[in-house]
Amino acid sequence: MGRHAQEEMFRAMVNPYGVMYNPASILHTVARVVDEEKRLKEEPFSTVVLTLGTNHVYILKETGDIVDNCQKRPQCLFEERELSVDECAGYLFQVVELLHSTNPDIRVILTVSPIRYRKYGYHNSQLSKSTLLLAVAKLLRSIESSPTLKSVKCYYFPAYEIVLDELRDYRFYAPDMLHPSEQTVEYIWQRFGETLFSAETKGFLTKWHPLKNALAHRPFNPESPEYQAFLARTHEQIRFLKEEYPNMEPTELFPST
């Protein structure tokens, strides 16, 4: 999903310190990003998407701290534990507080990953997801009743439910039967855009998609005059689009335009 956002020209930072699966590790990541923004005096984020994967955490026995990465150290150094609904909601509430402190107009979108954890067993994996869903529901209620955070635009996007309830067929899964297929990812992205994108964003994407597809085209003869003329026309159209949307940034698709 992060790759989709970047390909569609969103200014997206994706997992700056690696993928974090549980609410506690997500809080640690957000705290690091906020601290870095303050030190570098960077413009704060306007929208943050938090995807929750599990309520399982690993605790370093020596310190009692939840670690974000075991760094391939021996398993005997760690204790695995499951966070409760209240603990998950508490960590997420702190995340929203931190984000709100950097930008009072922040938008926070929460999702639960549909990827199951086979190592827990399918039933225990379902219990983990249920804990996260209940925690999100509690978080949203807590924000609504909070004197300081009730103005925060906080949403839940049902990626988990879309995969389990709408995309039940095996063709929507990768060969491991756990991860979603590319078709599924594309479908979720479309639903995400339909639900959350503004009319202006949808208008930009309508203009951008033909140009993106044109740049992705691989001709039999890249040096032919016909293809060079086609490429020149495409880059000219991109230049016009950038004049209309000045915040567009160069991407690997057209680094020199």
Protein backbone atom coordinates (compact mmCIF):
# COMPACT_ATOMS: atom_id res chain seq x y z
CA MET A 1 0.00 0.00 0.00
CA GLY A 2 2.88 2.33 0.73
CA ARG A 3 4.36 1.56 -2.68
CA HIS A 4 1.00 2.36 -4.29
CA ALA A 5 0.91 5.72 -2.50
CA GLN A 6 4.39 6.62 -3.71
CA GLU A 7 3.64 5.54 -7.27
CA GLU A 8 0.55 7.75 -7.21
CA MET A 9 2.73 10.75 -6.29
CA PHE A 10 1.79 11.05 -2.63
CA ARG A 11 4.55 12.43 -0.41
CA ALA A 12 4.69 9.23 1.58
CA MET A 13 7.17 8.04 4.19
CA VAL A 14 6.79 4.27 4.52
CA ASN A 15 8.04 2.33 7.56
CA PRO A 16 11.06 4.59 8.25
CA TYR A 17 12.48 2.21 10.89
CA GLY A 18 11.20 -1.06 9.46
CA VAL A 19 7.82 -2.73 9.70
CA MET A 20 6.26 -2.53 13.17
CA TYR A 21 3.44 -4.94 13.92
CA ASN A 22 2.15 -4.21 17.43
CA PRO A 23 0.80 -0.98 19.01
CA ALA A 24 3.75 -0.57 21.39
CA SER A 25 6.33 -0.73 18.60
CA ILE A 26 4.21 1.62 16.47
CA LEU A 27 4.30 4.10 19.38
CA HIS A 28 8.10 3.80 19.53
CA THR A 29 8.36 4.52 15.81
CA VAL A 30 6.04 7.52 15.92
CA ALA A 31 7.97 8.94 18.89
CA ARG A 32 11.24 8.66 16.92
CA VAL A 33 9.74 10.28 13.84
CA VAL A 34 8.22 13.14 15.85
CA ASP A 35 11.53 13.73 17.64
CA GLU A 36 13.38 13.78 14.33
CA GLU A 37 10.87 16.20 12.82
CA LYS A 38 11.35 18.58 15.74
CA ARG A 39 15.16 18.40 15.58
CA LEU A 40 15.26 18.91 11.82
CA LYS A 41 12.38 21.42 11.91
CA GLU A 42 10.60 19.53 9.16
CA GLU A 43 7.01 20.08 8.13
CA PRO A 44 4.79 17.74 10.20
CA PHE A 45 2.73 15.00 8.61
CA SER A 46 -0.83 15.80 7.62
CA THR A 47 -2.06 12.19 7.39
CA VAL A 48 -0.79 9.06 9.13
CA VAL A 49 -1.87 5.51 8.34
CA LEU A 50 -1.29 2.94 11.11
CA THR A 51 -1.61 -0.74 10.24
CA LEU A 52 -1.87 -3.11 13.18
CA GLY A 53 -0.67 -6.66 12.69
CA THR A 54 -0.60 -8.36 16.09
CA ASN A 55 -0.94 -7.84 19.82
CA HIS A 56 2.07 -10.08 20.51
CA VAL A 57 5.20 -8.34 21.81
CA TYR A 58 8.70 -9.48 22.77
CA ILE A 59 10.17 -8.29 26.05
CA LEU A 60 13.90 -8.26 26.74
CA LYS A 61 14.19 -10.14 30.03
CA GLU A 62 17.23 -8.15 31.14
CA THR A 63 15.43 -4.80 31.05
CA GLY A 64 11.72 -5.63 30.93
CA ASP A 65 11.36 -3.40 27.85
CA ILE A 66 9.32 -4.21 24.76
CA VAL A 67 11.70 -4.47 21.82
CA ASP A 68 10.84 -3.57 18.24
CA ASN A 69 13.39 -5.91 16.70
CA CYS A 70 15.10 -8.91 18.26
CA GLN A 71 18.09 -8.32 15.93
CA LYS A 72 18.58 -12.09 15.54
CA ARG A 73 19.59 -12.48 19.18
CA PRO A 74 18.85 -15.81 20.94
CA GLN A 75 15.18 -16.37 21.69
CA CYS A 76 16.02 -17.28 25.29
CA LEU A 77 16.76 -13.58 25.96
CA PHE A 78 13.14 -12.63 25.30
CA GLU A 79 9.72 -13.30 26.68
CA GLU A 80 6.71 -13.27 24.36
CA ARG A 81 3.52 -11.73 25.74
CA GLU A 82 0.11 -10.70 24.44
CA LEU A 83 -1.09 -7.15 25.02
CA SER A 84 -4.63 -6.76 26.31
CA VAL A 85 -7.31 -4.68 24.61
CA ASP A 86 -6.76 -1.89 27.15
CA GLU A 87 -2.99 -1.95 26.67
CA CYS A 88 -3.29 -1.80 22.88
CA ALA A 89 -5.80 1.06 23.08
CA GLY A 90 -3.55 2.88 25.56
CA TYR A 91 -0.51 2.72 23.28
CA LEU A 92 -2.58 3.89 20.32
CA PHE A 93 -4.01 6.77 22.35
CA GLN A 94 -0.44 7.90 23.08
CA VAL A 95 0.31 7.70 19.36
CA VAL A 96 -2.60 10.02 18.56
CA GLU A 97 -1.55 12.40 21.35
CA LEU A 98 1.97 12.61 19.93
CA LEU A 99 0.77 13.20 16.39
CA HIS A 100 -1.73 15.82 17.57
CA SER A 101 1.04 17.63 19.43
CA THR A 102 2.93 18.12 16.16
CA ASN A 103 -0.09 18.97 14.04
CA PRO A 104 -3.51 19.78 15.55
CA ASP A 105 -5.10 19.13 12.13
CA ILE A 106 -3.61 15.64 11.81
CA ARG A 107 -5.69 12.89 10.20
CA VAL A 108 -5.12 9.36 11.53
CA ILE A 109 -6.29 6.29 9.62
CA LEU A 110 -6.20 2.92 11.39
CA THR A 111 -6.34 -0.47 9.74
CA VAL A 112 -5.86 -4.07 10.84
CA SER A 113 -3.74 -6.25 8.59
CA PRO A 114 -5.60 -9.21 7.08
CA ILE A 115 -2.42 -11.32 7.05
CA ARG A 116 -2.75 -14.21 9.47
CA TYR A 117 0.07 -15.47 11.67
CA ARG A 118 0.40 -19.18 11.04
CA LYS A 119 2.96 -19.59 13.83
CA TYR A 120 0.30 -18.69 16.42
CA GLY A 121 -2.15 -21.18 14.97
CA TYR A 122 -5.13 -19.87 13.01
CA HIS A 123 -7.44 -19.66 16.02
CA ASN A 124 -4.92 -17.73 18.13
CA SER A 125 -4.17 -15.51 15.16
CA GLN A 126 -7.87 -14.69 14.96
CA LEU A 127 -7.92 -13.89 18.68
CA SER A 128 -4.99 -11.51 18.15
CA LYS A 129 -6.80 -9.71 15.34
CA SER A 130 -9.94 -9.52 17.47
CA THR A 131 -7.96 -7.87 20.26
CA LEU A 132 -6.71 -5.25 17.81
CA LEU A 133 -10.19 -4.60 16.44
CA LEU A 134 -11.58 -4.12 19.94
CA ALA A 135 -8.65 -1.83 20.80
CA VAL A 136 -9.34 0.37 17.75
CA ALA A 137 -13.01 0.61 18.71
CA LYS A 138 -12.05 1.61 22.25
CA LEU A 139 -9.53 4.15 20.94
CA LEU A 140 -12.13 5.84 18.75
CA ARG A 141 -14.52 6.10 21.70
CA SER A 142 -11.74 7.50 23.89
CA ILE A 143 -10.89 10.15 21.31
CA GLU A 144 -14.53 11.21 21.01
CA SER A 145 -14.73 11.75 24.77
CA SER A 146 -11.30 13.37 25.15
CA PRO A 147 -11.36 17.15 25.80
CA THR A 148 -8.05 17.59 23.96
CA LEU A 149 -8.33 15.04 21.13
CA LYS A 150 -12.01 15.01 20.18
CA SER A 151 -11.24 17.32 17.25
CA VAL A 152 -8.74 14.83 15.76
CA LYS A 153 -9.96 13.27 12.53
CA CYS A 154 -9.46 9.59 13.29
CA TYR A 155 -10.92 6.88 11.06
CA TYR A 156 -10.95 3.11 10.78
CA PHE A 157 -10.54 1.65 7.28
CA PRO A 158 -11.77 -1.97 7.12
CA ALA A 159 -8.98 -3.64 5.13
CA TYR A 160 -9.27 -6.71 7.35
CA GLU A 161 -13.01 -7.03 6.77
CA ILE A 162 -12.73 -6.42 3.02
CA VAL A 163 -10.36 -9.35 2.59
CA LEU A 164 -12.25 -11.73 4.89
CA ASP A 165 -15.80 -10.82 3.87
CA GLU A 166 -15.55 -9.70 0.24
CA LEU A 167 -12.49 -11.50 -1.14
CA ARG A 168 -13.05 -15.02 0.09
CA ASP A 169 -11.91 -16.92 -2.99
CA TYR A 170 -8.46 -18.53 -3.07
CA ARG A 171 -7.45 -16.48 -6.12
CA PHE A 172 -7.22 -13.43 -3.88
CA TYR A 173 -4.33 -14.95 -1.94
CA ALA A 174 -0.67 -15.52 -2.73
CA PRO A 175 0.55 -19.15 -3.04
CA ASP A 176 1.30 -19.28 0.71
CA MET A 177 -2.46 -18.75 1.31
CA LEU A 178 -1.62 -16.10 3.93
CA HIS A 179 -0.61 -12.97 2.06
CA PRO A 180 -2.96 -11.11 -0.28
CA SER A 181 -2.37 -11.37 -4.02
CA GLU A 182 -1.51 -8.35 -6.15
CA GLN A 183 -5.14 -8.31 -7.31
CA THR A 184 -6.25 -8.04 -3.69
CA VAL A 185 -3.80 -5.24 -2.91
CA GLU A 186 -5.03 -3.34 -5.96
CA TYR A 187 -8.66 -3.82 -4.90
CA ILE A 188 -7.98 -2.59 -1.37
CA TRP A 189 -6.14 0.44 -2.76
CA GLN A 190 -9.13 1.28 -4.95
CA ARG A 191 -11.52 0.96 -2.01
CA PHE A 192 -9.16 3.05 0.12
CA GLY A 193 -9.20 5.82 -2.47
CA GLU A 194 -12.96 5.68 -2.98
CA THR A 195 -13.47 6.02 0.76
CA LEU A 196 -10.86 8.59 1.78
CA PHE A 197 -9.55 10.59 -1.19
CA SER A 198 -10.86 14.07 -1.80
CA ALA A 199 -12.42 15.11 -5.12
CA GLU A 200 -9.24 17.06 -5.90
CA THR A 201 -7.05 14.02 -5.28
CA LYS A 202 -9.26 11.83 -7.46
CA GLY A 203 -9.08 14.49 -10.19
CA PHE A 204 -5.28 14.51 -10.06
CA LEU A 205 -5.10 10.70 -10.24
CA THR A 206 -7.38 10.69 -13.29
CA LYS A 207 -4.85 12.92 -15.07
CA TRP A 208 -1.77 11.15 -13.70
CA HIS A 209 -2.66 7.52 -14.51
CA PRO A 210 -2.39 7.78 -18.32
CA LEU A 211 1.01 9.47 -17.97
CA LYS A 212 2.24 6.87 -15.49
CA ASN A 213 1.15 4.08 -17.83
CA ALA A 214 2.83 5.79 -20.77
CA LEU A 215 6.13 6.08 -18.90
CA ALA A 216 5.93 2.43 -17.85
CA HIS A 217 5.58 1.32 -21.49
CA ARG A 218 8.59 -0.65 -22.75
CA PRO A 219 8.97 -0.41 -26.54
CA PHE A 220 10.73 -2.95 -28.79
CA ASN A 221 13.02 -0.19 -30.06
CA PRO A 222 13.60 2.59 -27.50
CA GLU A 223 15.75 4.54 -29.96
CA SER A 224 13.15 4.73 -32.71
CA PRO A 225 12.00 8.24 -33.74
CA GLU A 226 8.39 7.24 -33.07
CA TYR A 227 9.08 6.26 -29.47
CA GLN A 228 11.25 9.30 -28.85
CA ALA A 229 8.44 11.53 -30.10
CA PHE A 230 5.96 9.65 -27.88
CA LEU A 231 8.27 10.13 -24.89
CA ALA A 232 8.70 13.83 -25.63
CA ARG A 233 4.91 14.31 -25.76
CA THR A 234 4.51 12.45 -22.49
CA HIS A 235 7.12 14.56 -20.71
CA GLU A 236 5.47 17.70 -22.08
CA GLN A 237 2.15 16.56 -20.60
CA ILE A 238 3.90 15.90 -17.28
CA ARG A 239 5.32 19.43 -17.35
CA PHE A 240 1.80 20.83 -17.77
CA LEU A 241 0.56 18.64 -14.93
CA LYS A 242 3.35 19.86 -12.65
CA GLU A 243 2.38 23.44 -13.43
CA GLU A 244 -1.16 22.63 -12.34
CA TYR A 245 0.06 20.73 -9.25
CA PRO A 246 3.31 22.46 -8.16
CA ASN A 247 3.84 20.09 -5.22
CA MET A 248 4.48 17.15 -7.51
CA GLU A 249 7.93 15.75 -6.88
CA PRO A 250 10.19 13.92 -9.36
CA THR A 251 10.04 10.15 -9.11
CA GLU A 252 12.18 7.37 -10.50
CA LEU A 253 9.76 7.27 -13.41
CA PHE A 254 10.81 10.69 -14.61
CA PRO A 255 13.80 11.96 -12.57
CA SER A 256 14.84 14.57 -15.11
CA THR A 257 11.50 16.31 -15.73
